[in-house]
Amino acid sequence: MESIREILRAFFVYVMYPAVVIGLFIYLVSLLFFLVRCAKTMSGAIRRAVGGLLPIVILVFLVSSNFLDGGHLAEWLDRLSDTHRFVLGAVAAFVMMETGKQLGRTDANSAVAAYAFFVSCLLAVLLWVVMGGLLDKLNWTLFAFILVGGLHVMFRGLPGWFDSPSR
């Protein structure tokens, strides 16, 4: 029985956990592509694409200049309790999902570009955390992010781009 427990634990820690993190990454990238694709004009698509790419470009420069070595973030995260980390993830997920729900009902390219910027900032932070080896420190944050995001989809639906009057 002990070996089954070890096998299951290894499966969840070394297979399922990375799969969930990769899935979150794929979801955020897909959402950015979707936001750009749904623009009605070329100008709107460009604005949304720039909003989505800017945080990643900034991350490239910050990482290449060794400005983001992860030490400061690790120290800050060590000072936070698991409860604070959980709340941080829950708030980020709720803000992302609810903002997307509200902005999805508009055609304002600047508002959707700002939302793309926010989503891309979350993606950049996820990349930075993975590159810095800090994923274990943000375990509760990612758990809350995925939990609240999933509950939001269950009870409030997907962001407004999927809403249509005919349904």
N, C-alpha and C. Protein backbone atom coordinates (compact mmCIF):
# COMPACT_ATOMS: atom_id res chain seq x y z
N MET A 1 0.82 -1.19 0.00
CA MET A 1 0.00 0.00 0.00
C MET A 1 0.87 1.26 0.00
N GLU A 2 1.99 1.18 0.66
CA GLU A 2 2.90 2.32 0.74
C GLU A 2 3.45 2.66 -0.64
N SER A 3 3.73 1.64 -1.46
CA SER A 3 4.28 1.90 -2.78
C SER A 3 3.24 2.56 -3.70
N ILE A 4 1.97 2.20 -3.54
CA ILE A 4 0.91 2.84 -4.33
C ILE A 4 0.82 4.32 -3.97
N ARG A 5 0.91 4.61 -2.68
CA ARG A 5 0.89 6.00 -2.23
C ARG A 5 2.05 6.78 -2.83
N GLU A 6 3.22 6.19 -2.85
CA GLU A 6 4.40 6.86 -3.40
C GLU A 6 4.27 7.06 -4.91
N ILE A 7 3.73 6.06 -5.59
CA ILE A 7 3.55 6.17 -7.03
C ILE A 7 2.54 7.26 -7.36
N LEU A 8 1.43 7.28 -6.64
CA LEU A 8 0.42 8.31 -6.88
C LEU A 8 0.96 9.71 -6.56
N ARG A 9 1.68 9.82 -5.46
CA ARG A 9 2.25 11.12 -5.10
C ARG A 9 3.24 11.58 -6.16
N ALA A 10 4.09 10.68 -6.62
CA ALA A 10 5.06 11.04 -7.66
C ALA A 10 4.34 11.45 -8.95
N PHE A 11 3.27 10.74 -9.28
CA PHE A 11 2.50 11.07 -10.48
C PHE A 11 1.91 12.48 -10.39
N PHE A 12 1.33 12.80 -9.24
CA PHE A 12 0.72 14.11 -9.10
C PHE A 12 1.76 15.22 -9.02
N VAL A 13 2.86 14.97 -8.35
CA VAL A 13 3.88 16.01 -8.18
C VAL A 13 4.70 16.21 -9.45
N TYR A 14 5.08 15.11 -10.11
CA TYR A 14 6.00 15.23 -11.24
C TYR A 14 5.34 15.18 -12.61
N VAL A 15 4.05 14.83 -12.67
CA VAL A 15 3.35 14.81 -13.95
C VAL A 15 2.20 15.81 -13.96
N MET A 16 1.30 15.67 -13.01
CA MET A 16 0.10 16.51 -13.02
C MET A 16 0.41 17.98 -12.71
N TYR A 17 1.24 18.25 -11.73
CA TYR A 17 1.54 19.64 -11.37
C TYR A 17 2.18 20.39 -12.55
N PRO A 18 3.22 19.83 -13.19
CA PRO A 18 3.76 20.53 -14.37
C PRO A 18 2.72 20.66 -15.49
N ALA A 19 1.86 19.67 -15.63
CA ALA A 19 0.83 19.75 -16.67
C ALA A 19 -0.14 20.90 -16.38
N VAL A 20 -0.47 21.11 -15.12
CA VAL A 20 -1.37 22.21 -14.76
C VAL A 20 -0.70 23.55 -15.02
N VAL A 21 0.57 23.68 -14.68
CA VAL A 21 1.29 24.94 -14.91
C VAL A 21 1.41 25.20 -16.41
N ILE A 22 1.72 24.17 -17.18
CA ILE A 22 1.80 24.32 -18.63
C ILE A 22 0.42 24.65 -19.19
N GLY A 23 -0.62 24.02 -18.66
CA GLY A 23 -1.99 24.32 -19.09
C GLY A 23 -2.36 25.77 -18.82
N LEU A 24 -1.97 26.30 -17.67
CA LEU A 24 -2.22 27.70 -17.36
C LEU A 24 -1.50 28.61 -18.35
N PHE A 25 -0.27 28.27 -18.66
CA PHE A 25 0.51 29.02 -19.64
C PHE A 25 -0.19 28.99 -21.00
N ILE A 26 -0.63 27.82 -21.44
CA ILE A 26 -1.31 27.69 -22.73
C ILE A 26 -2.61 28.48 -22.73
N TYR A 27 -3.35 28.44 -21.61
CA TYR A 27 -4.60 29.19 -21.51
C TYR A 27 -4.35 30.69 -21.68
N LEU A 28 -3.35 31.22 -20.98
CA LEU A 28 -3.08 32.66 -21.07
C LEU A 28 -2.63 33.06 -22.47
N VAL A 29 -1.77 32.25 -23.10
CA VAL A 29 -1.33 32.56 -24.46
C VAL A 29 -2.50 32.48 -25.43
N SER A 30 -3.34 31.46 -25.28
CA SER A 30 -4.52 31.31 -26.15
C SER A 30 -5.48 32.48 -25.98
N LEU A 31 -5.66 32.93 -24.75
CA LEU A 31 -6.53 34.07 -24.51
C LEU A 31 -5.99 35.32 -25.21
N LEU A 32 -4.68 35.51 -25.19
CA LEU A 32 -4.09 36.66 -25.89
C LEU A 32 -4.33 36.56 -27.40
N PHE A 33 -4.11 35.39 -27.97
CA PHE A 33 -4.37 35.22 -29.41
C PHE A 33 -5.84 35.47 -29.72
N PHE A 34 -6.71 34.99 -28.86
CA PHE A 34 -8.14 35.18 -29.07
C PHE A 34 -8.51 36.66 -29.03
N LEU A 35 -7.95 37.39 -28.08
CA LEU A 35 -8.25 38.82 -27.97
C LEU A 35 -7.84 39.56 -29.24
N VAL A 36 -6.68 39.22 -29.77
CA VAL A 36 -6.20 39.89 -30.98
C VAL A 36 -7.07 39.48 -32.17
N ARG A 37 -7.40 38.23 -32.27
CA ARG A 37 -8.19 37.72 -33.39
C ARG A 37 -9.60 38.31 -33.44
N CYS A 38 -10.15 38.65 -32.29
CA CYS A 38 -11.53 39.16 -32.24
C CYS A 38 -11.64 40.64 -32.55
N ALA A 39 -10.53 41.30 -32.80
CA ALA A 39 -10.60 42.73 -33.16
C ALA A 39 -11.30 42.88 -34.50
N LYS A 40 -12.10 43.92 -34.60
CA LYS A 40 -12.86 44.14 -35.83
C LYS A 40 -12.06 44.90 -36.88
N THR A 41 -11.02 45.61 -36.45
CA THR A 41 -10.20 46.38 -37.39
C THR A 41 -8.74 46.01 -37.20
N MET A 42 -7.94 46.34 -38.21
CA MET A 42 -6.50 46.08 -38.12
C MET A 42 -5.88 46.93 -37.02
N SER A 43 -6.34 48.17 -36.88
CA SER A 43 -5.84 49.04 -35.83
C SER A 43 -6.12 48.44 -34.45
N GLY A 44 -7.32 47.91 -34.27
CA GLY A 44 -7.67 47.28 -33.00
C GLY A 44 -6.82 46.05 -32.72
N ALA A 45 -6.55 45.27 -33.76
CA ALA A 45 -5.71 44.07 -33.59
C ALA A 45 -4.29 44.46 -33.20
N ILE A 46 -3.78 45.52 -33.82
CA ILE A 46 -2.42 45.98 -33.49
C ILE A 46 -2.37 46.47 -32.04
N ARG A 47 -3.36 47.25 -31.64
CA ARG A 47 -3.38 47.75 -30.26
C ARG A 47 -3.42 46.60 -29.26
N ARG A 48 -4.25 45.60 -29.54
CA ARG A 48 -4.36 44.46 -28.64
C ARG A 48 -3.08 43.64 -28.64
N ALA A 49 -2.47 43.47 -29.81
CA ALA A 49 -1.21 42.71 -29.89
C ALA A 49 -0.10 43.41 -29.12
N VAL A 50 -0.02 44.72 -29.25
CA VAL A 50 1.01 45.47 -28.51
C VAL A 50 0.75 45.35 -27.00
N GLY A 51 -0.51 45.47 -26.60
CA GLY A 51 -0.85 45.30 -25.19
C GLY A 51 -0.46 43.92 -24.67
N GLY A 52 -0.60 42.90 -25.52
CA GLY A 52 -0.25 41.55 -25.12
C GLY A 52 1.24 41.26 -25.15
N LEU A 53 1.97 41.91 -26.03
CA LEU A 53 3.40 41.63 -26.17
C LEU A 53 4.29 42.49 -25.27
N LEU A 54 3.83 43.67 -24.92
CA LEU A 54 4.66 44.60 -24.16
C LEU A 54 5.23 44.01 -22.86
N PRO A 55 4.44 43.37 -22.00
CA PRO A 55 5.03 42.80 -20.78
C PRO A 55 6.07 41.71 -21.05
N ILE A 56 5.88 40.94 -22.12
CA ILE A 56 6.86 39.90 -22.45
C ILE A 56 8.15 40.54 -22.93
N VAL A 57 8.06 41.59 -23.74
CA VAL A 57 9.25 42.31 -24.20
C VAL A 57 9.98 42.94 -23.02
N ILE A 58 9.22 43.53 -22.11
CA ILE A 58 9.84 44.12 -20.91
C ILE A 58 10.54 43.03 -20.11
N LEU A 59 9.92 41.86 -19.97
CA LEU A 59 10.53 40.74 -19.24
C LEU A 59 11.84 40.32 -19.88
N VAL A 60 11.89 40.29 -21.20
CA VAL A 60 13.13 39.92 -21.90
C VAL A 60 14.26 40.87 -21.51
N PHE A 61 13.99 42.17 -21.52
CA PHE A 61 15.03 43.13 -21.17
C PHE A 61 15.41 43.04 -19.69
N LEU A 62 14.44 42.85 -18.82
CA LEU A 62 14.75 42.78 -17.39
C LEU A 62 15.54 41.52 -17.05
N VAL A 63 15.21 40.40 -17.68
CA VAL A 63 15.93 39.16 -17.42
C VAL A 63 17.34 39.22 -18.01
N SER A 64 17.46 39.75 -19.22
CA SER A 64 18.79 39.80 -19.85
C SER A 64 19.73 40.77 -19.14
N SER A 65 19.19 41.74 -18.43
CA SER A 65 20.04 42.68 -17.69
C SER A 65 20.28 42.23 -16.25
N ASN A 66 19.80 41.02 -15.90
CA ASN A 66 19.92 40.46 -14.55
C ASN A 66 19.24 41.32 -13.50
N PHE A 67 18.31 42.17 -13.92
CA PHE A 67 17.57 42.99 -12.98
C PHE A 67 16.62 42.13 -12.15
N LEU A 68 16.10 41.10 -12.76
CA LEU A 68 15.17 40.20 -12.07
C LEU A 68 15.88 38.88 -11.74
N ASP A 69 16.65 38.88 -10.70
CA ASP A 69 17.35 37.65 -10.34
C ASP A 69 16.51 36.73 -9.47
N GLY A 70 15.37 37.18 -9.02
CA GLY A 70 14.49 36.35 -8.21
C GLY A 70 14.75 36.45 -6.73
N GLY A 71 15.88 37.00 -6.34
CA GLY A 71 16.21 37.08 -4.92
C GLY A 71 15.27 37.98 -4.14
N HIS A 72 14.96 39.13 -4.71
CA HIS A 72 14.06 40.06 -4.03
C HIS A 72 12.65 39.49 -3.91
N LEU A 73 12.19 38.86 -4.97
CA LEU A 73 10.86 38.26 -4.94
C LEU A 73 10.83 37.10 -3.95
N ALA A 74 11.88 36.31 -3.91
CA ALA A 74 11.94 35.18 -2.97
C ALA A 74 11.87 35.68 -1.53
N GLU A 75 12.60 36.75 -1.24
CA GLU A 75 12.56 37.32 0.12
C GLU A 75 11.16 37.84 0.45
N TRP A 76 10.54 38.51 -0.50
CA TRP A 76 9.19 39.04 -0.28
C TRP A 76 8.19 37.91 -0.08
N LEU A 77 8.31 36.86 -0.90
CA LEU A 77 7.40 35.72 -0.77
C LEU A 77 7.59 34.98 0.55
N ASP A 78 8.83 34.93 1.03
CA ASP A 78 9.09 34.27 2.31
C ASP A 78 8.40 34.99 3.46
N ARG A 79 8.21 36.29 3.32
CA ARG A 79 7.54 37.05 4.37
C ARG A 79 6.03 36.88 4.36
N LEU A 80 5.47 36.41 3.24
CA LEU A 80 4.03 36.22 3.14
C LEU A 80 3.62 34.85 3.68
N SER A 81 2.50 34.82 4.37
CA SER A 81 1.98 33.54 4.83
C SER A 81 1.28 32.84 3.67
N ASP A 82 0.99 31.57 3.85
CA ASP A 82 0.26 30.83 2.82
C ASP A 82 -1.10 31.45 2.56
N THR A 83 -1.73 31.97 3.59
CA THR A 83 -3.04 32.62 3.43
C THR A 83 -2.93 33.84 2.54
N HIS A 84 -1.90 34.66 2.74
CA HIS A 84 -1.71 35.84 1.90
C HIS A 84 -1.42 35.45 0.46
N ARG A 85 -0.65 34.40 0.27
CA ARG A 85 -0.36 33.92 -1.09
C ARG A 85 -1.65 33.44 -1.76
N PHE A 86 -2.49 32.74 -1.01
CA PHE A 86 -3.76 32.25 -1.53
C PHE A 86 -4.65 33.42 -1.94
N VAL A 87 -4.75 34.42 -1.08
CA VAL A 87 -5.58 35.60 -1.36
C VAL A 87 -5.05 36.33 -2.59
N LEU A 88 -3.75 36.43 -2.73
CA LEU A 88 -3.14 37.08 -3.88
C LEU A 88 -3.57 36.39 -5.18
N GLY A 89 -3.52 35.07 -5.21
CA GLY A 89 -3.94 34.32 -6.40
C GLY A 89 -5.43 34.44 -6.66
N ALA A 90 -6.23 34.40 -5.59
CA ALA A 90 -7.69 34.50 -5.74
C ALA A 90 -8.08 35.87 -6.29
N VAL A 91 -7.47 36.92 -5.78
CA VAL A 91 -7.79 38.27 -6.25
C VAL A 91 -7.36 38.44 -7.71
N ALA A 92 -6.17 37.96 -8.06
CA ALA A 92 -5.69 38.07 -9.44
C ALA A 92 -6.63 37.35 -10.40
N ALA A 93 -7.07 36.15 -10.04
CA ALA A 93 -7.98 35.40 -10.91
C ALA A 93 -9.33 36.09 -11.02
N PHE A 94 -9.87 36.56 -9.90
CA PHE A 94 -11.17 37.21 -9.95
C PHE A 94 -11.12 38.48 -10.79
N VAL A 95 -10.08 39.28 -10.59
CA VAL A 95 -9.95 40.51 -11.36
C VAL A 95 -9.82 40.19 -12.85
N MET A 96 -9.00 39.18 -13.19
CA MET A 96 -8.82 38.83 -14.59
C MET A 96 -10.13 38.35 -15.22
N MET A 97 -10.83 37.46 -14.54
CA MET A 97 -12.05 36.88 -15.12
C MET A 97 -13.17 37.92 -15.18
N GLU A 98 -13.34 38.68 -14.12
CA GLU A 98 -14.45 39.66 -14.10
C GLU A 98 -14.18 40.82 -15.05
N THR A 99 -12.93 41.27 -15.12
CA THR A 99 -12.58 42.33 -16.06
C THR A 99 -12.82 41.85 -17.48
N GLY A 100 -12.42 40.63 -17.77
CA GLY A 100 -12.66 40.07 -19.10
C GLY A 100 -14.14 39.96 -19.41
N LYS A 101 -14.92 39.60 -18.41
CA LYS A 101 -16.37 39.47 -18.60
C LYS A 101 -16.98 40.83 -18.94
N GLN A 102 -16.56 41.87 -18.22
CA GLN A 102 -17.13 43.20 -18.45
C GLN A 102 -16.60 43.82 -19.75
N LEU A 103 -15.31 43.72 -20.00
CA LEU A 103 -14.73 44.33 -21.20
C LEU A 103 -15.14 43.58 -22.46
N GLY A 104 -15.48 42.31 -22.32
CA GLY A 104 -15.90 41.53 -23.47
C GLY A 104 -17.22 41.99 -24.04
N ARG A 105 -17.94 42.77 -23.29
CA ARG A 105 -19.22 43.29 -23.76
C ARG A 105 -19.07 44.60 -24.52
N THR A 106 -17.84 45.09 -24.62
CA THR A 106 -17.60 46.34 -25.33
C THR A 106 -16.77 46.07 -26.58
N ASP A 107 -16.72 47.04 -27.44
CA ASP A 107 -15.84 46.97 -28.61
C ASP A 107 -14.70 47.97 -28.50
N ALA A 108 -14.52 48.55 -27.34
CA ALA A 108 -13.48 49.56 -27.15
C ALA A 108 -12.11 48.90 -27.21
N ASN A 109 -11.36 49.19 -28.27
CA ASN A 109 -10.05 48.55 -28.45
C ASN A 109 -9.08 48.91 -27.34
N SER A 110 -9.15 50.14 -26.83
CA SER A 110 -8.22 50.52 -25.77
C SER A 110 -8.50 49.72 -24.49
N ALA A 111 -9.76 49.47 -24.20
CA ALA A 111 -10.11 48.69 -23.02
C ALA A 111 -9.65 47.24 -23.17
N VAL A 112 -9.86 46.67 -24.33
CA VAL A 112 -9.45 45.29 -24.56
C VAL A 112 -7.93 45.20 -24.62
N ALA A 113 -7.26 46.21 -25.16
CA ALA A 113 -5.79 46.23 -25.17
C ALA A 113 -5.25 46.29 -23.74
N ALA A 114 -5.93 47.04 -22.87
CA ALA A 114 -5.52 47.08 -21.46
C ALA A 114 -5.72 45.72 -20.81
N TYR A 115 -6.80 45.04 -21.15
CA TYR A 115 -7.03 43.69 -20.63
C TYR A 115 -5.97 42.73 -21.15
N ALA A 116 -5.60 42.84 -22.42
CA ALA A 116 -4.53 42.01 -22.98
C ALA A 116 -3.22 42.29 -22.24
N PHE A 117 -2.98 43.54 -21.91
CA PHE A 117 -1.78 43.91 -21.15
C PHE A 117 -1.80 43.23 -19.78
N PHE A 118 -2.94 43.24 -19.10
CA PHE A 118 -3.07 42.62 -17.79
C PHE A 118 -2.84 41.11 -17.88
N VAL A 119 -3.46 40.46 -18.86
CA VAL A 119 -3.27 39.01 -19.04
C VAL A 119 -1.81 38.70 -19.33
N SER A 120 -1.20 39.51 -20.17
CA SER A 120 0.20 39.30 -20.50
C SER A 120 1.11 39.54 -19.29
N CYS A 121 0.75 40.46 -18.42
CA CYS A 121 1.52 40.67 -17.19
C CYS A 121 1.47 39.41 -16.32
N LEU A 122 0.30 38.78 -16.24
CA LEU A 122 0.19 37.53 -15.49
C LEU A 122 1.07 36.45 -16.13
N LEU A 123 1.07 36.40 -17.44
CA LEU A 123 1.91 35.44 -18.16
C LEU A 123 3.38 35.72 -17.91
N ALA A 124 3.78 36.99 -17.95
CA ALA A 124 5.18 37.36 -17.72
C ALA A 124 5.60 36.99 -16.29
N VAL A 125 4.73 37.21 -15.32
CA VAL A 125 5.05 36.84 -13.94
C VAL A 125 5.20 35.33 -13.83
N LEU A 126 4.31 34.58 -14.48
CA LEU A 126 4.42 33.12 -14.46
C LEU A 126 5.74 32.67 -15.08
N LEU A 127 6.12 33.24 -16.20
CA LEU A 127 7.40 32.90 -16.83
C LEU A 127 8.57 33.24 -15.91
N TRP A 128 8.52 34.42 -15.31
CA TRP A 128 9.60 34.86 -14.43
C TRP A 128 9.73 33.94 -13.22
N VAL A 129 8.61 33.54 -12.67
CA VAL A 129 8.61 32.66 -11.51
C VAL A 129 9.20 31.30 -11.88
N VAL A 130 8.83 30.78 -13.04
CA VAL A 130 9.37 29.49 -13.48
C VAL A 130 10.86 29.60 -13.74
N MET A 131 11.28 30.67 -14.43
CA MET A 131 12.71 30.86 -14.71
C MET A 131 13.52 31.06 -13.44
N GLY A 132 12.92 31.69 -12.44
CA GLY A 132 13.63 31.96 -11.20
C GLY A 132 13.58 30.80 -10.21
N GLY A 133 12.91 29.73 -10.57
CA GLY A 133 12.83 28.58 -9.67
C GLY A 133 11.99 28.86 -8.43
N LEU A 134 11.02 29.74 -8.54
CA LEU A 134 10.21 30.14 -7.38
C LEU A 134 8.81 29.53 -7.41
N LEU A 135 8.60 28.57 -8.26
CA LEU A 135 7.26 28.00 -8.42
C LEU A 135 6.75 27.37 -7.13
N ASP A 136 7.63 26.75 -6.39
CA ASP A 136 7.21 26.13 -5.13
C ASP A 136 6.73 27.16 -4.11
N LYS A 137 7.28 28.37 -4.17
CA LYS A 137 6.86 29.43 -3.24
C LYS A 137 5.48 29.99 -3.61
N LEU A 138 5.08 29.82 -4.86
CA LEU A 138 3.79 30.34 -5.31
C LEU A 138 2.75 29.24 -5.49
N ASN A 139 2.96 28.11 -4.88
CA ASN A 139 2.04 26.99 -5.01
C ASN A 139 0.63 27.38 -4.60
N TRP A 140 0.47 28.01 -3.44
CA TRP A 140 -0.86 28.41 -2.97
C TRP A 140 -1.46 29.50 -3.84
N THR A 141 -0.62 30.36 -4.39
CA THR A 141 -1.11 31.42 -5.26
C THR A 141 -1.67 30.83 -6.55
N LEU A 142 -0.94 29.90 -7.16
CA LEU A 142 -1.42 29.26 -8.38
C LEU A 142 -2.67 28.43 -8.10
N PHE A 143 -2.69 27.75 -6.96
CA PHE A 143 -3.87 26.97 -6.59
C PHE A 143 -5.10 27.86 -6.51
N ALA A 144 -4.98 28.99 -5.83
CA ALA A 144 -6.11 29.92 -5.70
C ALA A 144 -6.49 30.51 -7.05
N PHE A 145 -5.50 30.82 -7.88
CA PHE A 145 -5.75 31.38 -9.20
C PHE A 145 -6.59 30.43 -10.04
N ILE A 146 -6.20 29.17 -10.05
CA ILE A 146 -6.91 28.17 -10.85
C ILE A 146 -8.28 27.86 -10.24
N LEU A 147 -8.35 27.76 -8.92
CA LEU A 147 -9.62 27.48 -8.25
C LEU A 147 -10.64 28.59 -8.49
N VAL A 148 -10.26 29.82 -8.25
CA VAL A 148 -11.19 30.94 -8.41
C VAL A 148 -11.54 31.13 -9.89
N GLY A 149 -10.57 30.98 -10.77
CA GLY A 149 -10.86 31.08 -12.20
C GLY A 149 -11.85 30.02 -12.65
N GLY A 150 -11.66 28.79 -12.19
CA GLY A 150 -12.59 27.72 -12.53
C GLY A 150 -13.97 27.94 -11.96
N LEU A 151 -14.04 28.37 -10.70
CA LEU A 151 -15.34 28.66 -10.09
C LEU A 151 -16.05 29.81 -10.80
N HIS A 152 -15.26 30.79 -11.24
CA HIS A 152 -15.84 31.92 -11.96
C HIS A 152 -16.47 31.44 -13.26
N VAL A 153 -15.78 30.58 -13.98
CA VAL A 153 -16.34 30.05 -15.23
C VAL A 153 -17.60 29.23 -14.95
N MET A 154 -17.58 28.45 -13.88
CA MET A 154 -18.74 27.62 -13.54
C MET A 154 -19.97 28.47 -13.21
N PHE A 155 -19.79 29.52 -12.42
CA PHE A 155 -20.94 30.26 -11.92
C PHE A 155 -21.24 31.55 -12.67
N ARG A 156 -20.23 32.15 -13.32
CA ARG A 156 -20.47 33.41 -14.02
C ARG A 156 -20.29 33.27 -15.53
N GLY A 157 -19.73 32.17 -15.97
CA GLY A 157 -19.52 31.95 -17.40
C GLY A 157 -18.17 32.48 -17.85
N LEU A 158 -17.89 32.22 -19.10
CA LEU A 158 -16.63 32.68 -19.70
C LEU A 158 -16.68 34.19 -19.90
N PRO A 159 -15.53 34.81 -20.14
CA PRO A 159 -15.53 36.24 -20.41
C PRO A 159 -16.51 36.61 -21.51
N GLY A 160 -16.92 37.87 -21.54
CA GLY A 160 -18.00 38.35 -22.37
C GLY A 160 -17.89 38.11 -23.86
N TRP A 161 -16.72 37.79 -24.36
CA TRP A 161 -16.58 37.55 -25.80
C TRP A 161 -17.37 36.31 -26.22
N PHE A 162 -17.69 35.47 -25.27
CA PHE A 162 -18.43 34.26 -25.58
C PHE A 162 -19.93 34.43 -25.39
N ASP A 163 -20.33 35.55 -24.81
CA ASP A 163 -21.75 35.81 -24.63
C ASP A 163 -22.34 36.30 -25.94
N SER A 164 -23.53 35.85 -26.25
CA SER A 164 -24.22 36.37 -27.43
C SER A 164 -25.70 36.48 -27.09
N PRO A 165 -26.38 37.48 -27.64
CA PRO A 165 -27.79 37.68 -27.33
C PRO A 165 -28.66 36.52 -27.76
N SER A 166 -28.23 35.74 -28.76
CA SER A 166 -29.06 34.67 -29.28
C SER A 166 -29.10 33.45 -28.36
N ARG A 167 -28.21 33.37 -27.40
CA ARG A 167 -28.17 32.19 -26.52
C ARG A 167 -29.02 32.36 -25.32
